[in-house]
Each structure stands twice: as C-alpha cells, then as structure tokens.
C-alpha atoms as a PDB file:
ATOM      1  CA  UNK A   1      31.353 -22.299  -6.111  1.00  0.00           C
ATOM      2  CA  UNK A   2      34.677 -23.530  -7.484  1.00  0.00           C
ATOM      3  CA  UNK A   3      34.536 -21.112 -10.402  1.00  0.00           C
ATOM      4  CA  UNK A   4      35.656 -18.486  -7.895  1.00  0.00           C
ATOM      5  CA  UNK A   5      38.853 -20.513  -7.421  1.00  0.00           C
ATOM      6  CA  UNK A   6      39.730 -21.900 -10.821  1.00  0.00           C
ATOM      7  CA  UNK A   7      38.416 -18.947 -12.802  1.00  0.00           C
ATOM      8  CA  UNK A   8      40.555 -16.688 -10.621  1.00  0.00           C
ATOM      9  CA  UNK A   9      43.577 -18.904 -11.234  1.00  0.00           C
ATOM     10  CA  UNK A  10      42.945 -18.696 -14.967  1.00  0.00           C
ATOM     11  CA  UNK A  11      43.043 -14.912 -14.543  1.00  0.00           C
ATOM     12  CA  UNK A  12      46.343 -15.228 -12.667  1.00  0.00           C
ATOM     13  CA  UNK A  13      47.894 -16.963 -15.694  1.00  0.00           C
ATOM     14  CA  UNK A  14      46.587 -14.313 -18.068  1.00  0.00           C
ATOM     15  CA  UNK A  15      47.985 -11.564 -15.804  1.00  0.00           C
ATOM     16  CA  UNK A  16      51.155 -13.608 -15.120  1.00  0.00           C
ATOM     17  CA  UNK A  17      50.583 -13.234 -11.356  1.00  0.00           C
ATOM     18  CA  UNK A  18      52.266 -15.843  -9.166  1.00  0.00           C
ATOM     19  CA  UNK A  19      49.992 -17.925  -6.915  1.00  0.00           C
ATOM     20  CA  UNK A  20      50.129 -21.169  -4.938  1.00  0.00           C
ATOM     21  CA  UNK A  21      47.619 -24.018  -5.125  1.00  0.00           C
ATOM     22  CA  UNK A  22      47.425 -27.619  -3.884  1.00  0.00           C
ATOM     23  CA  UNK A  23      46.791 -29.005  -7.378  1.00  0.00           C
ATOM     24  CA  UNK A  24      49.369 -29.337 -10.181  1.00  0.00           C
ATOM     25  CA  UNK A  25      49.182 -26.561 -12.798  1.00  0.00           C
ATOM     26  CA  UNK A  26      47.930 -28.155 -16.041  1.00  0.00           C
ATOM     27  CA  UNK A  27      44.169 -27.757 -15.540  1.00  0.00           C
ATOM     28  CA  UNK A  28      44.402 -24.112 -14.480  1.00  0.00           C
ATOM     29  CA  UNK A  29      46.835 -23.334 -17.317  1.00  0.00           C
ATOM     30  CA  UNK A  30      44.408 -24.806 -19.854  1.00  0.00           C
ATOM     31  CA  UNK A  31      41.547 -22.758 -18.375  1.00  0.00           C
ATOM     32  CA  UNK A  32      43.709 -19.624 -18.595  1.00  0.00           C
ATOM     33  CA  UNK A  33      44.680 -20.463 -22.181  1.00  0.00           C
ATOM     34  CA  UNK A  34      41.026 -20.998 -23.156  1.00  0.00           C
ATOM     35  CA  UNK A  35      40.127 -17.630 -21.623  1.00  0.00           C
ATOM     36  CA  UNK A  36      43.030 -15.878 -23.335  1.00  0.00           C
ATOM     37  CA  UNK A  37      42.214 -17.343 -26.774  1.00  0.00           C
ATOM     38  CA  UNK A  38      38.514 -16.472 -26.413  1.00  0.00           C
ATOM     39  CA  UNK A  39      39.175 -12.820 -25.544  1.00  0.00           C
ATOM     40  CA  UNK A  40      38.908 -12.845 -21.741  1.00  0.00           C
ATOM     41  CA  UNK A  41      41.226 -10.152 -20.343  1.00  0.00           C
ATOM     42  CA  UNK A  42      41.694 -11.569 -16.818  1.00  0.00           C
ATOM     43  CA  UNK A  43      40.069  -8.615 -15.031  1.00  0.00           C
ATOM     44  CA  UNK A  44      37.019 -10.293 -13.447  1.00  0.00           C
ATOM     45  CA  UNK A  45      37.661 -10.414  -9.649  1.00  0.00           C
ATOM     46  CA  UNK A  46      35.993 -13.802  -8.884  1.00  0.00           C
ATOM     47  CA  UNK A  47      35.288 -12.613  -5.331  1.00  0.00           C
ATOM     48  CA  UNK A  48      32.282 -14.750  -4.388  1.00  0.00           C
ATOM     49  CA  UNK A  49      30.009 -17.373  -5.991  1.00  0.00           C
ATOM     50  CA  UNK A  50      27.104 -15.957  -7.975  1.00  0.00           C
ATOM     51  CA  UNK A  51      28.746 -12.686  -9.046  1.00  0.00           C
ATOM     52  CA  UNK A  52      27.536 -11.662 -12.503  1.00  0.00           C
ATOM     53  CA  UNK A  53      30.138 -11.676 -15.249  1.00  0.00           C
ATOM     54  CA  UNK A  54      28.482  -8.648 -16.935  1.00  0.00           C
ATOM     55  CA  UNK A  55      30.679  -7.656 -19.912  1.00  0.00           C
ATOM     56  CA  UNK A  56      33.496 -10.116 -19.109  1.00  0.00           C
ATOM     57  CA  UNK A  57      33.932 -12.875 -21.670  1.00  0.00           C
ATOM     58  CA  UNK A  58      33.675 -16.092 -19.644  1.00  0.00           C
ATOM     59  CA  UNK A  59      32.095 -18.225 -22.390  1.00  0.00           C
ATOM     60  CA  UNK A  60      35.415 -19.502 -23.755  1.00  0.00           C
ATOM     61  CA  UNK A  61      36.484 -20.976 -20.411  1.00  0.00           C
ATOM     62  CA  UNK A  62      33.118 -22.611 -19.774  1.00  0.00           C
ATOM     63  CA  UNK A  63      32.913 -23.769 -23.390  1.00  0.00           C
ATOM     64  CA  UNK A  64      36.359 -25.381 -23.170  1.00  0.00           C
ATOM     65  CA  UNK A  65      35.364 -27.361 -20.057  1.00  0.00           C
ATOM     66  CA  UNK A  66      32.046 -28.318 -21.669  1.00  0.00           C
ATOM     67  CA  UNK A  67      33.840 -29.556 -24.790  1.00  0.00           C
ATOM     68  CA  UNK A  68      36.183 -31.784 -22.767  1.00  0.00           C
ATOM     69  CA  UNK A  69      33.203 -33.040 -20.744  1.00  0.00           C
ATOM     70  CA  UNK A  70      31.352 -33.923 -23.955  1.00  0.00           C
ATOM     71  CA  UNK A  71      34.372 -35.965 -25.107  1.00  0.00           C
ATOM     72  CA  UNK A  72      33.682 -38.418 -22.254  1.00  0.00           C
ATOM     73  CA  UNK A  73      30.728 -39.848 -24.194  1.00  0.00           C
ATOM     74  CA  UNK A  74      32.684 -41.029 -27.274  1.00  0.00           C
ATOM     75  CA  UNK A  75      35.574 -42.095 -25.017  1.00  0.00           C
ATOM     76  CA  UNK A  76      33.247 -44.323 -22.994  1.00  0.00           C
ATOM     77  CA  UNK A  77      31.553 -45.623 -26.146  1.00  0.00           C
ATOM     78  CA  UNK A  78      34.859 -46.593 -27.787  1.00  0.00           C
ATOM     79  CA  UNK A  79      36.267 -48.135 -24.590  1.00  0.00           C
ATOM     80  CA  UNK A  80      33.250 -50.374 -23.986  1.00  0.00           C
ATOM     81  CA  UNK A  81      33.025 -51.250 -27.690  1.00  0.00           C
ATOM     82  CA  UNK A  82      36.678 -52.342 -27.643  1.00  0.00           C
ATOM     83  CA  UNK A  83      36.282 -54.358 -24.434  1.00  0.00           C
ATOM     84  CA  UNK A  84      32.929 -56.012 -25.151  1.00  0.00           C
ATOM     85  CA  UNK A  85      32.756 -55.981 -28.976  1.00  0.00           C
ATOM     86  CA  UNK A  86      29.066 -55.279 -28.359  1.00  0.00           C
ATOM     87  CA  UNK A  87      27.419 -52.307 -30.069  1.00  0.00           C
ATOM     88  CA  UNK A  88      24.340 -52.339 -27.750  1.00  0.00           C
ATOM     89  CA  UNK A  89      26.613 -52.292 -24.667  1.00  0.00           C
ATOM     90  CA  UNK A  90      28.642 -49.385 -26.070  1.00  0.00           C
ATOM     91  CA  UNK A  91      25.494 -47.422 -27.007  1.00  0.00           C
ATOM     92  CA  UNK A  92      23.975 -48.039 -23.569  1.00  0.00           C
ATOM     93  CA  UNK A  93      27.166 -46.736 -21.936  1.00  0.00           C
ATOM     94  CA  UNK A  94      27.125 -43.608 -24.111  1.00  0.00           C
ATOM     95  CA  UNK A  95      23.437 -42.892 -23.369  1.00  0.00           C
ATOM     96  CA  UNK A  96      23.972 -43.371 -19.623  1.00  0.00           C
ATOM     97  CA  UNK A  97      26.696 -40.708 -19.701  1.00  0.00           C
ATOM     98  CA  UNK A  98      24.774 -38.342 -22.006  1.00  0.00           C
ATOM     99  CA  UNK A  99      21.872 -38.205 -19.552  1.00  0.00           C
ATOM    100  CA  UNK A 100      23.954 -38.251 -16.360  1.00  0.00           C
ATOM    101  CA  UNK A 101      23.051 -35.119 -14.398  1.00  0.00           C
ATOM    102  CA  UNK A 102      26.301 -35.086 -12.435  1.00  0.00           C
ATOM    103  CA  UNK A 103      28.417 -35.283 -15.570  1.00  0.00           C
ATOM    104  CA  UNK A 104      26.423 -32.498 -17.238  1.00  0.00           C
ATOM    105  CA  UNK A 105      26.671 -30.280 -14.141  1.00  0.00           C
ATOM    106  CA  UNK A 106      30.433 -30.791 -13.730  1.00  0.00           C
ATOM    107  CA  UNK A 107      31.036 -30.053 -17.406  1.00  0.00           C
ATOM    108  CA  UNK A 108      29.179 -26.752 -17.708  1.00  0.00           C
ATOM    109  CA  UNK A 109      31.262 -24.692 -15.276  1.00  0.00           C
ATOM    110  CA  UNK A 110      34.888 -23.556 -15.040  1.00  0.00           C
ATOM    111  CA  UNK A 111      36.149 -26.568 -13.063  1.00  0.00           C
ATOM    112  CA  UNK A 112      39.088 -28.964 -13.069  1.00  0.00           C
ATOM    113  CA  UNK A 113      36.812 -32.031 -13.033  1.00  0.00           C
ATOM    114  CA  UNK A 114      35.930 -32.244 -16.758  1.00  0.00           C
ATOM    115  CA  UNK A 115      39.605 -31.731 -17.642  1.00  0.00           C
ATOM    116  CA  UNK A 116      40.637 -34.440 -15.165  1.00  0.00           C
ATOM    117  CA  UNK A 117      37.991 -36.875 -16.437  1.00  0.00           C
ATOM    118  CA  UNK A 118      39.039 -36.195 -20.034  1.00  0.00           C
ATOM    119  CA  UNK A 119      42.593 -37.357 -19.293  1.00  0.00           C
ATOM    120  CA  UNK A 120      41.459 -40.226 -17.037  1.00  0.00           C
ATOM    121  CA  UNK A 121      39.143 -41.699 -19.653  1.00  0.00           C
ATOM    122  CA  UNK A 122      41.627 -40.873 -22.401  1.00  0.00           C
ATOM    123  CA  UNK A 123      44.243 -42.952 -20.564  1.00  0.00           C
ATOM    124  CA  UNK A 124      41.855 -45.899 -20.160  1.00  0.00           C
ATOM    125  CA  UNK A 125      40.813 -45.727 -23.824  1.00  0.00           C
ATOM    126  CA  UNK A 126      44.456 -45.563 -24.972  1.00  0.00           C
ATOM    127  CA  UNK A 127      45.372 -48.496 -22.727  1.00  0.00           C
ATOM    128  CA  UNK A 128      42.503 -50.620 -24.063  1.00  0.00           C
ATOM    129  CA  UNK A 129      43.365 -49.707 -27.668  1.00  0.00           C
ATOM    130  CA  UNK A 130      47.022 -50.579 -27.051  1.00  0.00           C
ATOM    131  CA  UNK A 131      45.993 -53.941 -25.599  1.00  0.00           C
ATOM    132  CA  UNK A 132      44.005 -54.623 -28.764  1.00  0.00           C
ATOM    133  CA  UNK A 133      47.225 -54.151 -30.787  1.00  0.00           C
ATOM    134  CA  UNK A 134      49.041 -56.865 -28.787  1.00  0.00           C
ATOM    135  CA  UNK A 135      49.073 -59.171 -31.802  1.00  0.00           C
ATOM    136  CA  UNK A 136      51.096 -56.600 -33.796  1.00  0.00           C
ATOM    137  CA  UNK A 137      53.650 -55.155 -31.327  1.00  0.00           C
ATOM    138  CA  UNK A 138      55.891 -52.258 -32.424  1.00  0.00           C
ATOM    139  CA  UNK A 139      53.513 -51.356 -35.238  1.00  0.00           C
ATOM    140  CA  UNK A 140      52.629 -47.688 -35.825  1.00  0.00           C
ATOM    141  CA  UNK A 141      49.230 -48.032 -34.133  1.00  0.00           C
ATOM    142  CA  UNK A 142      50.788 -49.882 -31.163  1.00  0.00           C
ATOM    143  CA  UNK A 143      53.354 -47.101 -30.622  1.00  0.00           C
ATOM    144  CA  UNK A 144      50.663 -44.436 -31.083  1.00  0.00           C
ATOM    145  CA  UNK A 145      48.317 -45.835 -28.426  1.00  0.00           C
ATOM    146  CA  UNK A 146      51.160 -46.626 -26.013  1.00  0.00           C
ATOM    147  CA  UNK A 147      52.488 -43.057 -26.343  1.00  0.00           C
ATOM    148  CA  UNK A 148      49.005 -41.562 -25.973  1.00  0.00           C
ATOM    149  CA  UNK A 149      48.554 -43.604 -22.786  1.00  0.00           C
ATOM    150  CA  UNK A 150      51.694 -42.002 -21.365  1.00  0.00           C
ATOM    151  CA  UNK A 151      50.613 -38.497 -22.414  1.00  0.00           C
ATOM    152  CA  UNK A 152      47.172 -38.976 -20.841  1.00  0.00           C
ATOM    153  CA  UNK A 153      48.743 -40.274 -17.620  1.00  0.00           C
ATOM    154  CA  UNK A 154      50.829 -37.100 -17.404  1.00  0.00           C
ATOM    155  CA  UNK A 155      47.710 -35.050 -18.144  1.00  0.00           C
ATOM    156  CA  UNK A 156      45.679 -36.750 -15.402  1.00  0.00           C
ATOM    157  CA  UNK A 157      48.452 -36.292 -12.813  1.00  0.00           C
ATOM    158  CA  UNK A 158      49.022 -32.735 -14.061  1.00  0.00           C
ATOM    159  CA  UNK A 159      45.431 -31.708 -13.290  1.00  0.00           C
ATOM    160  CA  UNK A 160      44.900 -33.388  -9.898  1.00  0.00           C
ATOM    161  CA  UNK A 161      46.892 -35.912  -7.880  1.00  0.00           C
ATOM    162  CA  UNK A 162      43.834 -38.192  -7.854  1.00  0.00           C
ATOM    163  CA  UNK A 163      45.059 -39.069 -11.359  1.00  0.00           C
ATOM    164  CA  UNK A 164      47.424 -41.426  -9.524  1.00  0.00           C
ATOM    165  CA  UNK A 165      44.631 -44.026  -9.546  1.00  0.00           C
ATOM    166  CA  UNK A 166      44.652 -44.309 -13.342  1.00  0.00           C
ATOM    167  CA  UNK A 167      48.461 -44.509 -13.182  1.00  0.00           C
ATOM    168  CA  UNK A 168      48.045 -47.515 -10.861  1.00  0.00           C
ATOM    169  CA  UNK A 169      45.479 -49.059 -13.227  1.00  0.00           C
ATOM    170  CA  UNK A 170      47.786 -48.727 -16.237  1.00  0.00           C
ATOM    171  CA  UNK A 171      50.698 -49.935 -14.113  1.00  0.00           C
ATOM    172  CA  UNK A 172      48.866 -53.113 -13.089  1.00  0.00           C
ATOM    173  CA  UNK A 173      47.836 -53.707 -16.691  1.00  0.00           C
ATOM    174  CA  UNK A 174      51.454 -53.280 -17.805  1.00  0.00           C
ATOM    175  CA  UNK A 175      52.782 -55.668 -15.132  1.00  0.00           C
ATOM    176  CA  UNK A 176      50.205 -58.271 -16.170  1.00  0.00           C
ATOM    177  CA  UNK A 177      51.118 -57.772 -19.841  1.00  0.00           C
ATOM    178  CA  UNK A 178      54.864 -58.119 -19.213  1.00  0.00           C
ATOM    179  CA  UNK A 179      54.349 -61.167 -16.968  1.00  0.00           C
ATOM    180  CA  UNK A 180      52.366 -62.803 -19.776  1.00  0.00           C
ATOM    181  CA  UNK A 181      55.129 -61.984 -22.289  1.00  0.00           C
ATOM    182  CA  UNK A 182      57.815 -63.329 -19.947  1.00  0.00           C
ATOM    183  CA  UNK A 183      55.963 -66.644 -19.779  1.00  0.00           C
ATOM    184  CA  UNK A 184      55.778 -66.915 -23.578  1.00  0.00           C
ATOM    185  CA  UNK A 185      58.437 -69.517 -24.450  1.00  0.00           C
ATOM    186  CA  UNK A 186      58.304 -68.483 -28.114  1.00  0.00           C
ATOM    187  CA  UNK A 187      59.505 -64.977 -27.212  1.00  0.00           C
ATOM    188  CA  UNK A 188      63.261 -64.407 -26.873  1.00  0.00           C
ATOM    189  CA  UNK A 189      64.714 -62.461 -23.946  1.00  0.00           C
ATOM    190  CA  UNK A 190      65.967 -59.822 -26.381  1.00  0.00           C
ATOM    191  CA  UNK A 191      62.431 -59.250 -27.673  1.00  0.00           C
ATOM    192  CA  UNK A 192      61.122 -59.174 -24.103  1.00  0.00           C
ATOM    193  CA  UNK A 193      63.757 -56.543 -23.317  1.00  0.00           C
ATOM    194  CA  UNK A 194      62.474 -54.455 -26.230  1.00  0.00           C
ATOM    195  CA  UNK A 195      58.927 -54.700 -24.872  1.00  0.00           C
ATOM    196  CA  UNK A 196      60.145 -53.629 -21.425  1.00  0.00           C
ATOM    197  CA  UNK A 197      62.136 -50.677 -22.791  1.00  0.00           C
ATOM    198  CA  UNK A 198      59.179 -49.529 -24.915  1.00  0.00           C
ATOM    199  CA  UNK A 199      56.965 -49.381 -21.837  1.00  0.00           C
ATOM    200  CA  UNK A 200      59.625 -47.637 -19.755  1.00  0.00           C
ATOM    201  CA  UNK A 201      59.988 -45.050 -22.520  1.00  0.00           C
ATOM    202  CA  UNK A 202      56.282 -44.419 -23.146  1.00  0.00           C
ATOM    203  CA  UNK A 203      54.755 -45.016 -19.695  1.00  0.00           C
ATOM    204  CA  UNK A 204      57.483 -43.662 -17.385  1.00  0.00           C
ATOM    205  CA  UNK A 205      59.941 -41.341 -19.150  1.00  0.00           C
ATOM    206  CA  UNK A 206      57.422 -39.682 -21.495  1.00  0.00           C
ATOM    207  CA  UNK A 207      54.895 -38.867 -18.707  1.00  0.00           C
ATOM    208  CA  UNK A 208      57.716 -37.591 -16.470  1.00  0.00           C
ATOM    209  CA  UNK A 209      58.980 -35.339 -19.267  1.00  0.00           C
ATOM    210  CA  UNK A 210      55.489 -33.915 -19.851  1.00  0.00           C
ATOM    211  CA  UNK A 211      54.835 -33.505 -16.129  1.00  0.00           C
ATOM    212  CA  UNK A 212      58.048 -31.586 -15.471  1.00  0.00           C
ATOM    213  CA  UNK A 213      57.499 -29.518 -18.634  1.00  0.00           C
ATOM    214  CA  UNK A 214      54.157 -28.347 -17.181  1.00  0.00           C
ATOM    215  CA  UNK A 215      55.942 -26.884 -14.169  1.00  0.00           C
ATOM    216  CA  UNK A 216      58.606 -25.313 -16.390  1.00  0.00           C
ATOM    217  CA  UNK A 217      55.850 -23.497 -18.313  1.00  0.00           C
ATOM    218  CA  UNK A 218      54.047 -22.664 -15.041  1.00  0.00           C
ATOM    219  CA  UNK A 219      57.069 -20.923 -13.496  1.00  0.00           C
ATOM    220  CA  UNK A 220      57.970 -19.212 -16.776  1.00  0.00           C
ATOM    221  CA  UNK A 221      54.513 -17.668 -17.180  1.00  0.00           C
ATOM    222  CA  UNK A 222      54.012 -16.596 -13.560  1.00  0.00           C
ATOM    223  CA  UNK A 223      56.860 -14.086 -13.279  1.00  0.00           C
ATOM    224  CA  UNK A 224      55.048 -11.316 -11.344  1.00  0.00           C
ATOM    225  CA  UNK A 225      54.581 -11.022  -7.593  1.00  0.00           C
ATOM    226  CA  UNK A 226      51.281 -12.337  -6.272  1.00  0.00           C
ATOM    227  CA  UNK A 227      49.482 -14.048  -3.374  1.00  0.00           C
ATOM    228  CA  UNK A 228      51.659 -17.169  -3.557  1.00  0.00           C
ATOM    229  CA  UNK A 229      55.030 -15.517  -2.900  1.00  0.00           C
ATOM    230  CA  UNK A 230      55.162 -16.291   0.826  1.00  0.00           C
ATOM    231  CA  UNK A 231      55.118 -20.056   0.260  1.00  0.00           C
ATOM    232  CA  UNK A 232      58.520 -19.910  -1.427  1.00  0.00           C
ATOM    233  CA  UNK A 233      62.081 -19.025  -0.484  1.00  0.00           C
ATOM    234  CA  UNK A 234      63.581 -15.545  -0.541  1.00  0.00           C
ATOM    235  CA  UNK A 235      65.794 -16.607  -3.440  1.00  0.00           C
ATOM    236  CA  UNK A 236      62.738 -17.557  -5.470  1.00  0.00           C
ATOM    237  CA  UNK A 237      60.885 -14.366  -4.539  1.00  0.00           C
ATOM    238  CA  UNK A 238      63.827 -12.282  -5.755  1.00  0.00           C
ATOM    239  CA  UNK A 239      63.016 -13.474  -9.295  1.00  0.00           C
ATOM    240  CA  UNK A 240      59.403 -12.198  -9.232  1.00  0.00           C
ATOM    241  CA  UNK A 241      58.719  -8.784 -10.762  1.00  0.00           C
ATOM    242  CA  UNK A 242      57.111  -6.470  -8.194  1.00  0.00           C
ATOM    243  CA  UNK A 243      58.265  -8.398  -5.132  1.00  0.00           C
ATOM    244  CA  UNK A 244      60.108  -6.446  -2.393  1.00  0.00           C
ATOM    245  CA  UNK A 245      63.093  -8.748  -2.920  1.00  0.00           C
ATOM    246  CA  UNK A 246      63.112  -8.458  -6.724  1.00  0.00           C
ATOM    247  CA  UNK A 247      66.704  -8.474  -8.052  1.00  0.00           C
ATOM    248  CA  UNK A 248      68.092  -8.502  -4.505  1.00  0.00           C
ATOM    249  CA  UNK A 249      71.200 -10.658  -4.075  1.00  0.00           C
ATOM    250  CA  UNK A 250      70.170 -13.510  -1.748  1.00  0.00           C
ATOM    251  CA  UNK A 251      72.983 -15.650  -0.223  1.00  0.00           C
ATOM    252  CA  UNK A 252      72.621 -19.386  -0.833  1.00  0.00           C
END
C-alpha cells in the first residue's frame, strides 16, 4: 500500500517536482536516488496499490530498501555481542531477526521503515561501541563511534520523527556517562569540559548540521511546481518553475 506514496515521492525527486509530506525528506530522497542510479525514469504513476510496474525499473528502489533491512541482522548481532560478550546470545538475536516475518515483509517493499530501522539500530550500535571505548577517550575509535552516533541520530530523525525516541535513548546514555565522569575525583574539570564539548559537537551540532543539510538538498532539488505548492507562501511559490507566480515580485 505505502509503495504508492513513497514510490511516488521518489518519482517526484527524479522529476524535481515539489511536494509536501508529513515526514522529513531523507528517506524519500534516498529512495529517489536509488531509483535514479538503477535506471528508473520516474514515469510510473503509482496511482493505486497492486498496479503492475510492467517495463518500469522498480528493482533498484526495492533492492535498496531490502539491503538496508538486511543490515539489521549484523547490527543486532554486533550490538548484543558488545553488550553481553556472549556469542550464543548474539547468534540467537541474529537468527530471530533473520526469520522474523514482519522484518522481512517491511524490508522487501519501497517503504521508509527499513531505512528508519537502519539508522535507529545504527545509532544504538554506535552508542554501544562508543561506550566500549570509555577506557580510551579521545582515541580515533572513540571519535569515530561518537561521530557515527550523531550521524545516525540525524538519519533517524531525517526519515521519520519517531526517530526522536533513539535521540532520547542516546541522550539519557550521555547524561549518565557525563554524571559518572563528573563524580570521578581523578578527572580534572578541564578534562570534564573536553568530554562535554566533544559530546556537544558530535551529538548536537553534527546531527543538526546534517539535518538542516537534508532540507537544503530537498529544496534545491525540488525546483518545479507540483502538488505541494499550496502549503507554502506566495514568495516561496514564486521560486518554483511552472508555478503561476514564478518570477513574480512578491512584497515581503
């Protein structure tokens, strides 16, 4: 059913047609990019569920979502292995996901869910890996996992706002971590300040930069008039090619 929505929005990006949706743009942009790179020309109408694709190349978009969905298995395996240090527990987790019907179903269609879950589980894995580097702060691996946590947080929020829950999880983990560091009498206030600044940089400023960059790309690509024009101001509509107000001088 939802392929009629998100597949159509992927076509909008390929055709550069402006539209409005309740979700942030990253997931739909990635679907459009996958379709573009795999040879889909953005001409399938996506009118109702069950329409045959015929000669239209939809495999790239479905394949992209399936690939991200398949990444959940190693993500879960590595996360549980890091938390439990138990190979049987990690293998059990991986097998549970491999044979989960819901996960398989969500991952085989053109949907936002596998993309969202990829970033959600990527954020949890990065957070757990960063925690495991606590004994060597400011090392290359510590910076890498901390930065990847921030990038995955931006990705999760950039696909659906439900990604806020993983932001809260990482936030609580960070508060706990900083509270523990503050109580360490062997740690100077200067070093604590460095820890605080590192987390502000990687978990607040970096995700914000990525999140706003998504919208910058979104508005740059969608420069032609489309079904989303009416949700925006006359001044904005005057910038869209094909709109009745295009290039009209609109008073502030």
